[in-house]
Amino acid sequence: QLENRLISERLTEEIHFLVKGIQTETSELQSQVNKSRTTN
């Protein structure tokens, strides 16, 4: 059970890291699209 909790915590951290990265990239892309739209 302790090993499973450790594995679960590591997986949760990895998933959180990946989701945060995707959110950051998505917001950057959205701001670039808005700038491009304004320029166009």
Full PDB file with SEQRES, HELIX, SHEET, SSBOND, CRYST1, ORIGX, SCALE, CONECT and MASTER records, all heavy atoms in Angstrom:
SEQRES   1 A   40  GLN LEU GLU ASN ARG LEU ILE SER GLU ARG LEU THR GLU          
SEQRES   2 A   40  GLU ILE HIS PHE LEU VAL LYS GLY ILE GLN THR GLU THR          
SEQRES   3 A   40  SER GLU LEU GLN SER GLN VAL ASN LYS SER ARG THR THR          
SEQRES   4 A   40  ASN                                                          
HELIX    1 AA1 LEU A    2  THR A   39  1                                  38    
CRYST1    1.000    1.000    1.000  90.00  90.00  90.00 P 1           1          
ORIGX1      1.000000  0.000000  0.000000        0.00000                         
ORIGX2      0.000000  1.000000  0.000000        0.00000                         
ORIGX3      0.000000  0.000000  1.000000        0.00000                         
SCALE1      1.000000  0.000000  0.000000        0.00000                         
SCALE2      0.000000  1.000000  0.000000        0.00000                         
SCALE3      0.000000  0.000000  1.000000        0.00000                         
ATOM      1  N   GLN A   1       0.836  -1.216   0.000  1.00  0.00           N  
ATOM      2  CA  GLN A   1       0.000   0.000   0.000  1.00  0.00           C  
ATOM      3  C   GLN A   1       0.869   1.263   0.000  1.00  0.00           C  
ATOM      4  O   GLN A   1       0.559   2.240  -0.675  1.00  0.00           O  
ATOM      5  CB  GLN A   1      -0.936   0.002   1.214  1.00  0.00           C  
ATOM      6  CG  GLN A   1      -2.105  -0.931   1.073  1.00  0.00           C  
ATOM      7  CD  GLN A   1      -2.996  -0.918   2.314  1.00  0.00           C  
ATOM      8  OE1 GLN A   1      -2.589  -0.484   3.387  1.00  0.00           O  
ATOM      9  NE2 GLN A   1      -4.211  -1.426   2.136  1.00  0.00           N  
ATOM     10  N   LEU A   2       1.968   1.235   0.753  1.00  0.00           N  
ATOM     11  CA  LEU A   2       2.880   2.384   0.778  1.00  0.00           C  
ATOM     12  C   LEU A   2       3.498   2.604  -0.598  1.00  0.00           C  
ATOM     13  O   LEU A   2       3.571   3.738  -1.086  1.00  0.00           O  
ATOM     14  CB  LEU A   2       3.960   2.152   1.847  1.00  0.00           C  
ATOM     15  CG  LEU A   2       4.971   3.275   2.013  1.00  0.00           C  
ATOM     16  CD1 LEU A   2       4.268   4.550   2.467  1.00  0.00           C  
ATOM     17  CD2 LEU A   2       6.044   2.872   3.006  1.00  0.00           C  
ATOM     18  N   GLU A   3       3.929   1.503  -1.231  1.00  0.00           N  
ATOM     19  CA  GLU A   3       4.478   1.615  -2.588  1.00  0.00           C  
ATOM     20  C   GLU A   3       3.439   2.168  -3.554  1.00  0.00           C  
ATOM     21  O   GLU A   3       3.735   3.029  -4.394  1.00  0.00           O  
ATOM     22  CB  GLU A   3       4.950   0.235  -3.080  1.00  0.00           C  
ATOM     23  CG  GLU A   3       6.291  -0.176  -2.590  1.00  0.00           C  
ATOM     24  CD  GLU A   3       6.694  -1.530  -3.173  1.00  0.00           C  
ATOM     25  OE1 GLU A   3       6.449  -1.768  -4.393  1.00  0.00           O  
ATOM     26  OE2 GLU A   3       7.240  -2.331  -2.413  1.00  0.00           O  
ATOM     27  N   ASN A   4       2.215   1.677  -3.429  1.00  0.00           N  
ATOM     28  CA  ASN A   4       1.134   2.153  -4.299  1.00  0.00           C  
ATOM     29  C   ASN A   4       0.869   3.652  -4.086  1.00  0.00           C  
ATOM     30  O   ASN A   4       0.631   4.394  -5.026  1.00  0.00           O  
ATOM     31  CB  ASN A   4      -0.137   1.357  -4.063  1.00  0.00           C  
ATOM     32  CG  ASN A   4      -0.077  -0.029  -4.659  1.00  0.00           C  
ATOM     33  OD1 ASN A   4       0.750  -0.303  -5.516  1.00  0.00           O  
ATOM     34  ND2 ASN A   4      -0.945  -0.916  -4.191  1.00  0.00           N  
ATOM     35  N   ARG A   5       0.924   4.093  -2.823  1.00  0.00           N  
ATOM     36  CA  ARG A   5       0.733   5.525  -2.555  1.00  0.00           C  
ATOM     37  C   ARG A   5       1.854   6.351  -3.166  1.00  0.00           C  
ATOM     38  O   ARG A   5       1.625   7.420  -3.730  1.00  0.00           O  
ATOM     39  CB  ARG A   5       0.673   5.771  -1.041  1.00  0.00           C  
ATOM     40  CG  ARG A   5      -0.653   5.456  -0.449  1.00  0.00           C  
ATOM     41  CD  ARG A   5      -0.741   5.956   0.999  1.00  0.00           C  
ATOM     42  NE  ARG A   5      -1.600   5.063   1.741  1.00  0.00           N  
ATOM     43  CZ  ARG A   5      -1.240   4.262   2.738  1.00  0.00           C  
ATOM     44  NH1 ARG A   5      -0.001   4.266   3.160  1.00  0.00           N  
ATOM     45  NH2 ARG A   5      -2.102   3.479   3.321  1.00  0.00           N  
ATOM     46  N   LEU A   6       3.075   5.873  -3.038  1.00  0.00           N  
ATOM     47  CA  LEU A   6       4.224   6.592  -3.623  1.00  0.00           C  
ATOM     48  C   LEU A   6       4.099   6.670  -5.148  1.00  0.00           C  
ATOM     49  O   LEU A   6       4.323   7.720  -5.752  1.00  0.00           O  
ATOM     50  CB  LEU A   6       5.539   5.916  -3.219  1.00  0.00           C  
ATOM     51  CG  LEU A   6       5.935   6.025  -1.754  1.00  0.00           C  
ATOM     52  CD1 LEU A   6       7.186   5.203  -1.490  1.00  0.00           C  
ATOM     53  CD2 LEU A   6       6.158   7.472  -1.365  1.00  0.00           C  
ATOM     54  N   ILE A   7       3.745   5.535  -5.735  1.00  0.00           N  
ATOM     55  CA  ILE A   7       3.550   5.505  -7.192  1.00  0.00           C  
ATOM     56  C   ILE A   7       2.418   6.448  -7.573  1.00  0.00           C  
ATOM     57  O   ILE A   7       2.524   7.222  -8.535  1.00  0.00           O  
ATOM     58  CB  ILE A   7       3.278   4.065  -7.684  1.00  0.00           C  
ATOM     59  CG1 ILE A   7       4.525   3.214  -7.540  1.00  0.00           C  
ATOM     60  CG2 ILE A   7       2.803   4.083  -9.134  1.00  0.00           C  
ATOM     61  CD1 ILE A   7       4.282   1.735  -7.798  1.00  0.00           C  
ATOM     62  N   SER A   8       1.343   6.419  -6.804  1.00  0.00           N  
ATOM     63  CA  SER A   8       0.192   7.286  -7.073  1.00  0.00           C  
ATOM     64  C   SER A   8       0.583   8.770  -6.957  1.00  0.00           C  
ATOM     65  O   SER A   8       0.181   9.596  -7.780  1.00  0.00           O  
ATOM     66  CB  SER A   8      -0.928   6.939  -6.096  1.00  0.00           C  
ATOM     67  OG  SER A   8      -1.984   7.847  -6.220  1.00  0.00           O  
ATOM     68  N   GLU A   9       1.378   9.101  -5.938  1.00  0.00           N  
ATOM     69  CA  GLU A   9       1.820  10.495  -5.771  1.00  0.00           C  
ATOM     70  C   GLU A   9       2.707  10.927  -6.939  1.00  0.00           C  
ATOM     71  O   GLU A   9       2.566  12.031  -7.459  1.00  0.00           O  
ATOM     72  CB  GLU A   9       2.571  10.654  -4.451  1.00  0.00           C  
ATOM     73  CG  GLU A   9       1.682  10.636  -3.237  1.00  0.00           C  
ATOM     74  CD  GLU A   9       2.475  10.697  -1.935  1.00  0.00           C  
ATOM     75  OE1 GLU A   9       3.707  10.921  -1.991  1.00  0.00           O  
ATOM     76  OE2 GLU A   9       1.860  10.508  -0.877  1.00  0.00           O  
ATOM     77  N   ARG A  10       3.640  10.056  -7.344  1.00  0.00           N  
ATOM     78  CA  ARG A  10       4.507  10.385  -8.486  1.00  0.00           C  
ATOM     79  C   ARG A  10       3.697  10.575  -9.764  1.00  0.00           C  
ATOM     80  O   ARG A  10       3.924  11.514 -10.527  1.00  0.00           O  
ATOM     81  CB  ARG A  10       5.559   9.297  -8.696  1.00  0.00           C  
ATOM     82  CG  ARG A  10       6.846   9.619  -7.979  1.00  0.00           C  
ATOM     83  CD  ARG A  10       7.960   8.686  -8.375  1.00  0.00           C  
ATOM     84  NE  ARG A  10       7.748   7.445  -7.605  1.00  0.00           N  
ATOM     85  CZ  ARG A  10       7.977   6.233  -8.076  1.00  0.00           C  
ATOM     86  NH1 ARG A  10       8.415   6.044  -9.275  1.00  0.00           N  
ATOM     87  NH2 ARG A  10       7.764   5.168  -7.322  1.00  0.00           N  
ATOM     88  N   LEU A  11       2.731   9.689  -9.992  1.00  0.00           N  
ATOM     89  CA  LEU A  11       1.880   9.807 -11.175  1.00  0.00           C  
ATOM     90  C   LEU A  11       1.053  11.098 -11.119  1.00  0.00           C  
ATOM     91  O   LEU A  11       0.902  11.795 -12.126  1.00  0.00           O  
ATOM     92  CB  LEU A  11       0.956   8.594 -11.309  1.00  0.00           C  
ATOM     93  CG  LEU A  11       1.598   7.318 -11.823  1.00  0.00           C  
ATOM     94  CD1 LEU A  11       0.601   6.169 -11.770  1.00  0.00           C  
ATOM     95  CD2 LEU A  11       2.110   7.510 -13.232  1.00  0.00           C  
ATOM     96  N   THR A  12       0.553  11.417  -9.931  1.00  0.00           N  
ATOM     97  CA  THR A  12      -0.230  12.648  -9.767  1.00  0.00           C  
ATOM     98  C   THR A  12       0.636  13.866 -10.070  1.00  0.00           C  
ATOM     99  O   THR A  12       0.197  14.799 -10.737  1.00  0.00           O  
ATOM    100  CB  THR A  12      -0.802  12.730  -8.340  1.00  0.00           C  
ATOM    101  OG1 THR A  12      -1.592  11.583  -8.089  1.00  0.00           O  
ATOM    102  CG2 THR A  12      -1.642  13.977  -8.166  1.00  0.00           C  
ATOM    103  N   GLU A  13       1.872  13.863  -9.567  1.00  0.00           N  
ATOM    104  CA  GLU A  13       2.789  14.978  -9.840  1.00  0.00           C  
ATOM    105  C   GLU A  13       3.101  15.088 -11.334  1.00  0.00           C  
ATOM    106  O   GLU A  13       3.120  16.185 -11.900  1.00  0.00           O  
ATOM    107  CB  GLU A  13       4.079  14.806  -9.040  1.00  0.00           C  
ATOM    108  CG  GLU A  13       3.930  15.078  -7.568  1.00  0.00           C  
ATOM    109  CD  GLU A  13       5.219  14.810  -6.806  1.00  0.00           C  
ATOM    110  OE1 GLU A  13       6.286  14.669  -7.448  1.00  0.00           O  
ATOM    111  OE2 GLU A  13       5.151  14.728  -5.566  1.00  0.00           O  
ATOM    112  N   GLU A  14       3.349  13.961 -11.976  1.00  0.00           N  
ATOM    113  CA  GLU A  14       3.634  13.961 -13.415  1.00  0.00           C  
ATOM    114  C   GLU A  14       2.435  14.477 -14.205  1.00  0.00           C  
ATOM    115  O   GLU A  14       2.581  15.292 -15.114  1.00  0.00           O  
ATOM    116  CB  GLU A  14       4.005  12.548 -13.900  1.00  0.00           C  
ATOM    117  CG  GLU A  14       5.375  12.087 -13.498  1.00  0.00           C  
ATOM    118  CD  GLU A  14       6.469  12.865 -14.204  1.00  0.00           C  
ATOM    119  OE1 GLU A  14       6.308  13.216 -15.392  1.00  0.00           O  
ATOM    120  OE2 GLU A  14       7.487  13.121 -13.544  1.00  0.00           O  
ATOM    121  N   ILE A  15       1.263  14.010 -13.853  1.00  0.00           N  
ATOM    122  CA  ILE A  15       0.049  14.456 -14.546  1.00  0.00           C  
ATOM    123  C   ILE A  15      -0.161  15.949 -14.323  1.00  0.00           C  
ATOM    124  O   ILE A  15      -0.470  16.698 -15.253  1.00  0.00           O  
ATOM    125  CB  ILE A  15      -1.173  13.636 -14.083  1.00  0.00           C  
ATOM    126  CG1 ILE A  15      -1.064  12.206 -14.605  1.00  0.00           C  
ATOM    127  CG2 ILE A  15      -2.472  14.286 -14.549  1.00  0.00           C  
ATOM    128  CD1 ILE A  15      -2.099  11.255 -14.042  1.00  0.00           C  
ATOM    129  N   HIS A  16       0.047  16.396 -13.087  1.00  0.00           N  
ATOM    130  CA  HIS A  16      -0.098  17.831 -12.780  1.00  0.00           C  
ATOM    131  C   HIS A  16       0.904  18.647 -13.605  1.00  0.00           C  
ATOM    132  O   HIS A  16       0.559  19.689 -14.156  1.00  0.00           O  
ATOM    133  CB  HIS A  16       0.108  18.058 -11.284  1.00  0.00           C  
ATOM    134  CG  HIS A  16      -0.004  19.485 -10.877  1.00  0.00           C  
ATOM    135  ND1 HIS A  16      -1.201  20.171 -10.893  1.00  0.00           N  
ATOM    136  CD2 HIS A  16       0.930  20.373 -10.459  1.00  0.00           C  
ATOM    137  CE1 HIS A  16      -0.999  21.416 -10.497  1.00  0.00           C  
ATOM    138  NE2 HIS A  16       0.299  21.565 -10.230  1.00  0.00           N  
ATOM    139  N   PHE A  17       2.156  18.165 -13.694  1.00  0.00           N  
ATOM    140  CA  PHE A  17       3.186  18.853 -14.480  1.00  0.00           C  
ATOM    141  C   PHE A  17       2.788  18.921 -15.954  1.00  0.00           C  
ATOM    142  O   PHE A  17       2.897  19.974 -16.595  1.00  0.00           O  
ATOM    143  CB  PHE A  17       4.529  18.139 -14.314  1.00  0.00           C  
ATOM    144  CG  PHE A  17       5.623  18.707 -15.152  1.00  0.00           C  
ATOM    145  CD1 PHE A  17       6.224  19.906 -14.824  1.00  0.00           C  
ATOM    146  CD2 PHE A  17       6.042  18.039 -16.299  1.00  0.00           C  
ATOM    147  CE1 PHE A  17       7.239  20.431 -15.607  1.00  0.00           C  
ATOM    148  CE2 PHE A  17       7.054  18.562 -17.091  1.00  0.00           C  
ATOM    149  CZ  PHE A  17       7.651  19.752 -16.746  1.00  0.00           C  
ATOM    150  N   LEU A  18       2.306  17.808 -16.489  1.00  0.00           N  
ATOM    151  CA  LEU A  18       1.905  17.776 -17.899  1.00  0.00           C  
ATOM    152  C   LEU A  18       0.713  18.695 -18.159  1.00  0.00           C  
ATOM    153  O   LEU A  18       0.690  19.438 -19.146  1.00  0.00           O  
ATOM    154  CB  LEU A  18       1.565  16.347 -18.323  1.00  0.00           C  
ATOM    155  CG  LEU A  18       2.743  15.380 -18.434  1.00  0.00           C  
ATOM    156  CD1 LEU A  18       2.235  13.960 -18.679  1.00  0.00           C  
ATOM    157  CD2 LEU A  18       3.695  15.816 -19.522  1.00  0.00           C  
ATOM    158  N   VAL A  19      -0.272  18.674 -17.281  1.00  0.00           N  
ATOM    159  CA  VAL A  19      -1.454  19.522 -17.457  1.00  0.00           C  
ATOM    160  C   VAL A  19      -1.060  20.998 -17.377  1.00  0.00           C  
ATOM    161  O   VAL A  19      -1.512  21.816 -18.174  1.00  0.00           O  
ATOM    162  CB  VAL A  19      -2.533  19.168 -16.404  1.00  0.00           C  
ATOM    163  CG1 VAL A  19      -3.625  20.214 -16.362  1.00  0.00           C  
ATOM    164  CG2 VAL A  19      -3.117  17.806 -16.698  1.00  0.00           C  
ATOM    165  N   LYS A  20      -0.189  21.323 -16.414  1.00  0.00           N  
ATOM    166  CA  LYS A  20       0.253  22.721 -16.284  1.00  0.00           C  
ATOM    167  C   LYS A  20       1.004  23.169 -17.546  1.00  0.00           C  
ATOM    168  O   LYS A  20       0.812  24.277 -18.040  1.00  0.00           O  
ATOM    169  CB  LYS A  20       1.128  22.877 -15.054  1.00  0.00           C  
ATOM    170  CG  LYS A  20       1.406  24.304 -14.722  1.00  0.00           C  
ATOM    171  CD  LYS A  20       1.863  24.423 -13.299  1.00  0.00           C  
ATOM    172  CE  LYS A  20       1.982  25.885 -12.992  1.00  0.00           C  
ATOM    173  NZ  LYS A  20       1.479  26.229 -11.708  1.00  0.00           N  
ATOM    174  N   GLY A  21       1.844  22.286 -18.090  1.00  0.00           N  
ATOM    175  CA  GLY A  21       2.566  22.607 -19.322  1.00  0.00           C  
ATOM    176  C   GLY A  21       1.620  22.823 -20.498  1.00  0.00           C  
ATOM    177  O   GLY A  21       1.794  23.756 -21.285  1.00  0.00           O  
ATOM    178  N   ILE A  22       0.634  21.987 -20.602  1.00  0.00           N  
ATOM    179  CA  ILE A  22      -0.350  22.124 -21.690  1.00  0.00           C  
ATOM    180  C   ILE A  22      -1.134  23.418 -21.538  1.00  0.00           C  
ATOM    181  O   ILE A  22      -1.371  24.131 -22.512  1.00  0.00           O  
ATOM    182  CB  ILE A  22      -1.290  20.893 -21.728  1.00  0.00           C  
ATOM    183  CG1 ILE A  22      -0.525  19.673 -22.219  1.00  0.00           C  
ATOM    184  CG2 ILE A  22      -2.499  21.156 -22.603  1.00  0.00           C  
ATOM    185  CD1 ILE A  22      -1.291  18.372 -22.125  1.00  0.00           C  
ATOM    186  N   GLN A  23      -1.512  23.746 -20.297  1.00  0.00           N  
ATOM    187  CA  GLN A  23      -2.244  24.993 -20.064  1.00  0.00           C  
ATOM    188  C   GLN A  23      -1.386  26.203 -20.424  1.00  0.00           C  
ATOM    189  O   GLN A  23      -1.868  27.158 -21.033  1.00  0.00           O  
ATOM    190  CB  GLN A  23      -2.694  25.088 -18.598  1.00  0.00           C  
ATOM    191  CG  GLN A  23      -3.836  24.179 -18.245  1.00  0.00           C  
ATOM    192  CD  GLN A  23      -4.176  24.222 -16.769  1.00  0.00           C  
ATOM    193  OE1 GLN A  23      -3.348  24.584 -15.937  1.00  0.00           O  
ATOM    194  NE2 GLN A  23      -5.399  23.827 -16.444  1.00  0.00           N  
ATOM    195  N   THR A  24      -0.113  26.158 -20.065  1.00  0.00           N  
ATOM    196  CA  THR A  24       0.799  27.263 -20.396  1.00  0.00           C  
ATOM    197  C   THR A  24       0.940  27.406 -21.907  1.00  0.00           C  
ATOM    198  O   THR A  24       0.837  28.516 -22.451  1.00  0.00           O  
ATOM    199  CB  THR A  24       2.175  27.025 -19.757  1.00  0.00           C  
ATOM    200  OG1 THR A  24       2.019  26.857 -18.354  1.00  0.00           O  
ATOM    201  CG2 THR A  24       3.110  28.176 -20.031  1.00  0.00           C  
ATOM    202  N   GLU A  25       1.172  26.302 -22.593  1.00  0.00           N  
ATOM    203  CA  GLU A  25       1.317  26.347 -24.053  1.00  0.00           C  
ATOM    204  C   GLU A  25       0.029  26.822 -24.716  1.00  0.00           C  
ATOM    205  O   GLU A  25       0.062  27.577 -25.687  1.00  0.00           O  
ATOM    206  CB  GLU A  25       1.717  24.975 -24.582  1.00  0.00           C  
ATOM    207  CG  GLU A  25       3.136  24.578 -24.239  1.00  0.00           C  
ATOM    208  CD  GLU A  25       3.486  23.174 -24.703  1.00  0.00           C  
ATOM    209  OE1 GLU A  25       2.642  22.539 -25.371  1.00  0.00           O  
ATOM    210  OE2 GLU A  25       4.593  22.728 -24.383  1.00  0.00           O  
ATOM    211  N   THR A  26      -1.098  26.383 -24.202  1.00  0.00           N  
ATOM    212  CA  THR A  26      -2.388  26.787 -24.770  1.00  0.00           C  
ATOM    213  C   THR A  26      -2.603  28.286 -24.607  1.00  0.00           C  
ATOM    214  O   THR A  26      -3.037  28.962 -25.545  1.00  0.00           O  
ATOM    215  CB  THR A  26      -3.537  26.018 -24.093  1.00  0.00           C  
ATOM    216  OG1 THR A  26      -3.308  24.628 -24.263  1.00  0.00           O  
ATOM    217  CG2 THR A  26      -4.869  26.391 -24.691  1.00  0.00           C  
ATOM    218  N   SER A  27      -2.279  28.819 -23.435  1.00  0.00           N  
ATOM    219  CA  SER A  27      -2.466  30.268 -23.237  1.00  0.00           C  
ATOM    220  C   SER A  27      -1.498  31.063 -24.104  1.00  0.00           C  
ATOM    221  O   SER A  27      -1.854  32.121 -24.634  1.00  0.00           O  
ATOM    222  CB  SER A  27      -2.309  30.637 -21.760  1.00  0.00           C  
ATOM    223  OG  SER A  27      -0.998  30.379 -21.319  1.00  0.00           O  
ATOM    224  N   GLU A  28      -0.260  30.569 -24.291  1.00  0.00           N  
ATOM    225  CA  GLU A  28       0.691  31.242 -25.177  1.00  0.00           C  
ATOM    226  C   GLU A  28       0.185  31.236 -26.619  1.00  0.00           C  
ATOM    227  O   GLU A  28       0.250  32.245 -27.316  1.00  0.00           O  
ATOM    228  CB  GLU A  28       2.061  30.571 -25.100  1.00  0.00           C  
ATOM    229  CG  GLU A  28       2.807  30.833 -23.812  1.00  0.00           C  
ATOM    230  CD  GLU A  28       4.104  30.049 -23.720  1.00  0.00           C  
ATOM    231  OE1 GLU A  28       4.445  29.314 -24.674  1.00  0.00           O  
ATOM    232  OE2 GLU A  28       4.765  30.164 -22.675  1.00  0.00           O  
ATOM    233  N   LEU A  29      -0.302  30.086 -27.067  1.00  0.00           N  
ATOM    234  CA  LEU A  29      -0.846  29.985 -28.428  1.00  0.00           C  
ATOM    235  C   LEU A  29      -2.050  30.904 -28.605  1.00  0.00           C  
ATOM    236  O   LEU A  29      -2.199  31.557 -29.642  1.00  0.00           O  
ATOM    237  CB  LEU A  29      -1.238  28.544 -28.749  1.00  0.00           C  
ATOM    238  CG  LEU A  29      -0.095  27.600 -29.089  1.00  0.00           C  
ATOM    239  CD1 LEU A  29      -0.608  26.169 -29.201  1.00  0.00           C  
ATOM    240  CD2 LEU A  29       0.576  28.022 -30.370  1.00  0.00           C  
ATOM    241  N   GLN A  30      -2.882  30.978 -27.580  1.00  0.00           N  
ATOM    242  CA  GLN A  30      -4.059  31.835 -27.664  1.00  0.00           C  
ATOM    243  C   GLN A  30      -3.650  33.298 -27.774  1.00  0.00           C  
ATOM    244  O   GLN A  30      -4.218  34.047 -28.568  1.00  0.00           O  
ATOM    245  CB  GLN A  30      -4.944  31.622 -26.443  1.00  0.00           C  
ATOM    246  CG  GLN A  30      -6.282  32.300 -26.536  1.00  0.00           C  
ATOM    247  CD  GLN A  30      -7.169  31.948 -25.348  1.00  0.00           C  
ATOM    248  OE1 GLN A  30      -6.663  31.549 -24.302  1.00  0.00           O  
ATOM    249  NE2 GLN A  30      -8.465  32.095 -25.514  1.00  0.00           N  
ATOM    250  N   SER A  31      -2.654  33.719 -27.010  1.00  0.00           N  
ATOM    251  CA  SER A  31      -2.208  35.116 -27.102  1.00  0.00           C  
ATOM    252  C   SER A  31      -1.572  35.392 -28.463  1.00  0.00           C  
ATOM    253  O   SER A  31      -1.768  36.459 -29.047  1.00  0.00           O  
ATOM    254  CB  SER A  31      -1.235  35.450 -25.972  1.00  0.00           C  
ATOM    255  OG  SER A  31      -0.022  34.750 -26.126  1.00  0.00           O  
ATOM    256  N   GLN A  32      -0.827  34.418 -29.008  1.00  0.00           N  
ATOM    257  CA  GLN A  32      -0.237  34.593 -30.341  1.00  0.00           C  
ATOM    258  C   GLN A  32      -1.320  34.690 -31.409  1.00  0.00           C  
ATOM    259  O   GLN A  32      -1.212  35.494 -32.340  1.00  0.00           O  
ATOM    260  CB  GLN A  32       0.716  33.450 -30.663  1.00  0.00           C  
ATOM    261  CG  GLN A  32       1.993  33.480 -29.864  1.00  0.00           C  
ATOM    262  CD  GLN A  32       2.864  32.259 -30.129  1.00  0.00           C  
ATOM    263  OE1 GLN A  32       2.480  31.344 -30.840  1.00  0.00           O  
ATOM    264  NE2 GLN A  32       4.048  32.248 -29.530  1.00  0.00           N  
ATOM    265  N   VAL A  33      -2.357  33.880 -31.281  1.00  0.00           N  
ATOM    266  CA  VAL A  33      -3.462  33.926 -32.245  1.00  0.00           C  
ATOM    267  C   VAL A  33      -4.165  35.276 -32.165  1.00  0.00           C  
ATOM    268  O   VAL A  33      -4.505  35.880 -33.191  1.00  0.00           O  
ATOM    269  CB  VAL A  33      -4.458  32.763 -31.990  1.00  0.00           C  
ATOM    270  CG1 VAL A  33      -5.770  32.989 -32.711  1.00  0.00           C  
ATOM    271  CG2 VAL A  33      -3.840  31.451 -32.420  1.00  0.00           C  
ATOM    272  N   ASN A  34      -4.381  35.785 -30.959  1.00  0.00           N  
ATOM    273  CA  ASN A  34      -5.028  37.092 -30.808  1.00  0.00           C  
ATOM    274  C   ASN A  34      -4.174  38.202 -31.414  1.00  0.00           C  
ATOM    275  O   ASN A  34      -4.693  39.101 -32.082  1.00  0.00           O  
ATOM    276  CB  ASN A  34      -5.307  37.375 -29.330  1.00  0.00           C  
ATOM    277  CG  ASN A  34      -6.434  36.529 -28.794  1.00  0.00           C  
ATOM    278  OD1 ASN A  34      -7.268  36.038 -29.541  1.00  0.00           O  
ATOM    279  ND2 ASN A  34      -6.449  36.329 -27.491  1.00  0.00           N  
ATOM    280  N   LYS A  35      -2.856  38.146 -31.193  1.00  0.00           N  
ATOM    281  CA  LYS A  35      -1.962  39.150 -31.784  1.00  0.00           C  
ATOM    282  C   LYS A  35      -2.004  39.063 -33.307  1.00  0.00           C  
ATOM    283  O   LYS A  35      -2.060  40.070 -33.999  1.00  0.00           O  
ATOM    284  CB  LYS A  35      -0.533  38.956 -31.288  1.00  0.00           C  
ATOM    285  CG  LYS A  35      -0.309  39.396 -29.873  1.00  0.00           C  
ATOM    286  CD  LYS A  35       1.131  39.147 -29.456  1.00  0.00           C  
ATOM    287  CE  LYS A  35       1.351  39.471 -27.997  1.00  0.00           C  
ATOM    288  NZ  LYS A  35       2.724  39.172 -27.568  1.00  0.00           N  
ATOM    289  N   SER A  36      -1.968  37.834 -33.814  1.00  0.00           N  
ATOM    290  CA  SER A  36      -2.002  37.628 -35.262  1.00  0.00           C  
ATOM    291  C   SER A  36      -3.313  38.142 -35.845  1.00  0.00           C  
ATOM    292  O   SER A  36      -3.326  38.781 -36.904  1.00  0.00           O  
ATOM    293  CB  SER A  36      -1.829  36.148 -35.573  1.00  0.00           C  
ATOM    294  OG  SER A  36      -1.967  35.911 -36.945  1.00  0.00           O  
ATOM    295  N   ARG A  37      -4.410  37.881 -35.154  1.00  0.00           N  
ATOM    296  CA  ARG A  37      -5.716  38.340 -35.621  1.00  0.00           C  
ATOM    297  C   ARG A  37      -5.753  39.869 -35.666  1.00  0.00           C  
ATOM    298  O   ARG A  37      -6.214  40.461 -36.635  1.00  0.00           O  
ATOM    299  CB  ARG A  37      -6.825  37.813 -34.716  1.00  0.00           C  
ATOM    300  CG  ARG A  37      -8.207  38.198 -35.208  1.00  0.00           C  
ATOM    301  CD  ARG A  37      -9.317  37.695 -34.291  1.00  0.00           C  
ATOM    302  NE  ARG A  37      -9.224  36.250 -34.101  1.00  0.00           N  
ATOM    303  CZ  ARG A  37      -9.431  35.659 -32.932  1.00  0.00           C  
ATOM    304  NH1 ARG A  37      -9.726  36.349 -31.864  1.00  0.00           N  
ATOM    305  NH2 ARG A  37      -9.354  34.349 -32.848  1.00  0.00           N  
ATOM    306  N   THR A  38      -5.234  40.508 -34.620  1.00  0.00           N  
ATOM    307  CA  THR A  38      -5.202  41.973 -34.585  1.00  0.00           C  
ATOM    308  C   THR A  38      -4.342  42.513 -35.721  1.00  0.00           C  
ATOM    309  O   THR A  38      -4.729  43.465 -36.406  1.00  0.00           O  
ATOM    310  CB  THR A  38      -4.654  42.453 -33.229  1.00  0.00           C  
ATOM    311  OG1 THR A  38      -5.464  41.924 -32.190  1.00  0.00           O  
ATOM    312  CG2 THR A  38      -4.651  43.957 -33.152  1.00  0.00           C  
ATOM    313  N   THR A  39      -3.194  41.897 -35.937  1.00  0.00           N  
ATOM    314  CA  THR A  39      -2.307  42.333 -37.028  1.00  0.00           C  
ATOM    315  C   THR A  39      -2.991  42.172 -38.374  1.00  0.00           C  
ATOM    316  O   THR A  39      -2.930  43.068 -39.223  1.00  0.00           O  
ATOM    317  CB  THR A  39      -1.003  41.513 -36.998  1.00  0.00           C  
ATOM    318  OG1 THR A  39      -0.377  41.674 -35.728  1.00  0.00           O  
ATOM    319  CG2 THR A  39      -0.056  41.956 -38.095  1.00  0.00           C  
ATOM    320  N   ASN A  40      -3.658  41.044 -38.576  1.00  0.00           N  
ATOM    321  CA  ASN A  40      -4.362  40.811 -39.842  1.00  0.00           C  
ATOM    322  C   ASN A  40      -5.496  41.809 -40.045  1.00  0.00           C  
ATOM    323  O   ASN A  40      -5.715  42.280 -41.162  1.00  0.00           O  
ATOM    324  CB  ASN A  40      -4.896  39.380 -39.905  1.00  0.00           C  
ATOM    325  CG  ASN A  40      -3.797  38.354 -40.044  1.00  0.00           C  
ATOM    326  OD1 ASN A  40      -2.682  38.676 -40.446  1.00  0.00           O  
ATOM    327  ND2 ASN A  40      -4.086  37.118 -39.692  1.00  0.00           N  
TER     328      ASN A  40                                                      
MASTER        0    0    0    1    0    0    0    6  327    1    0    4          
END                                                                             
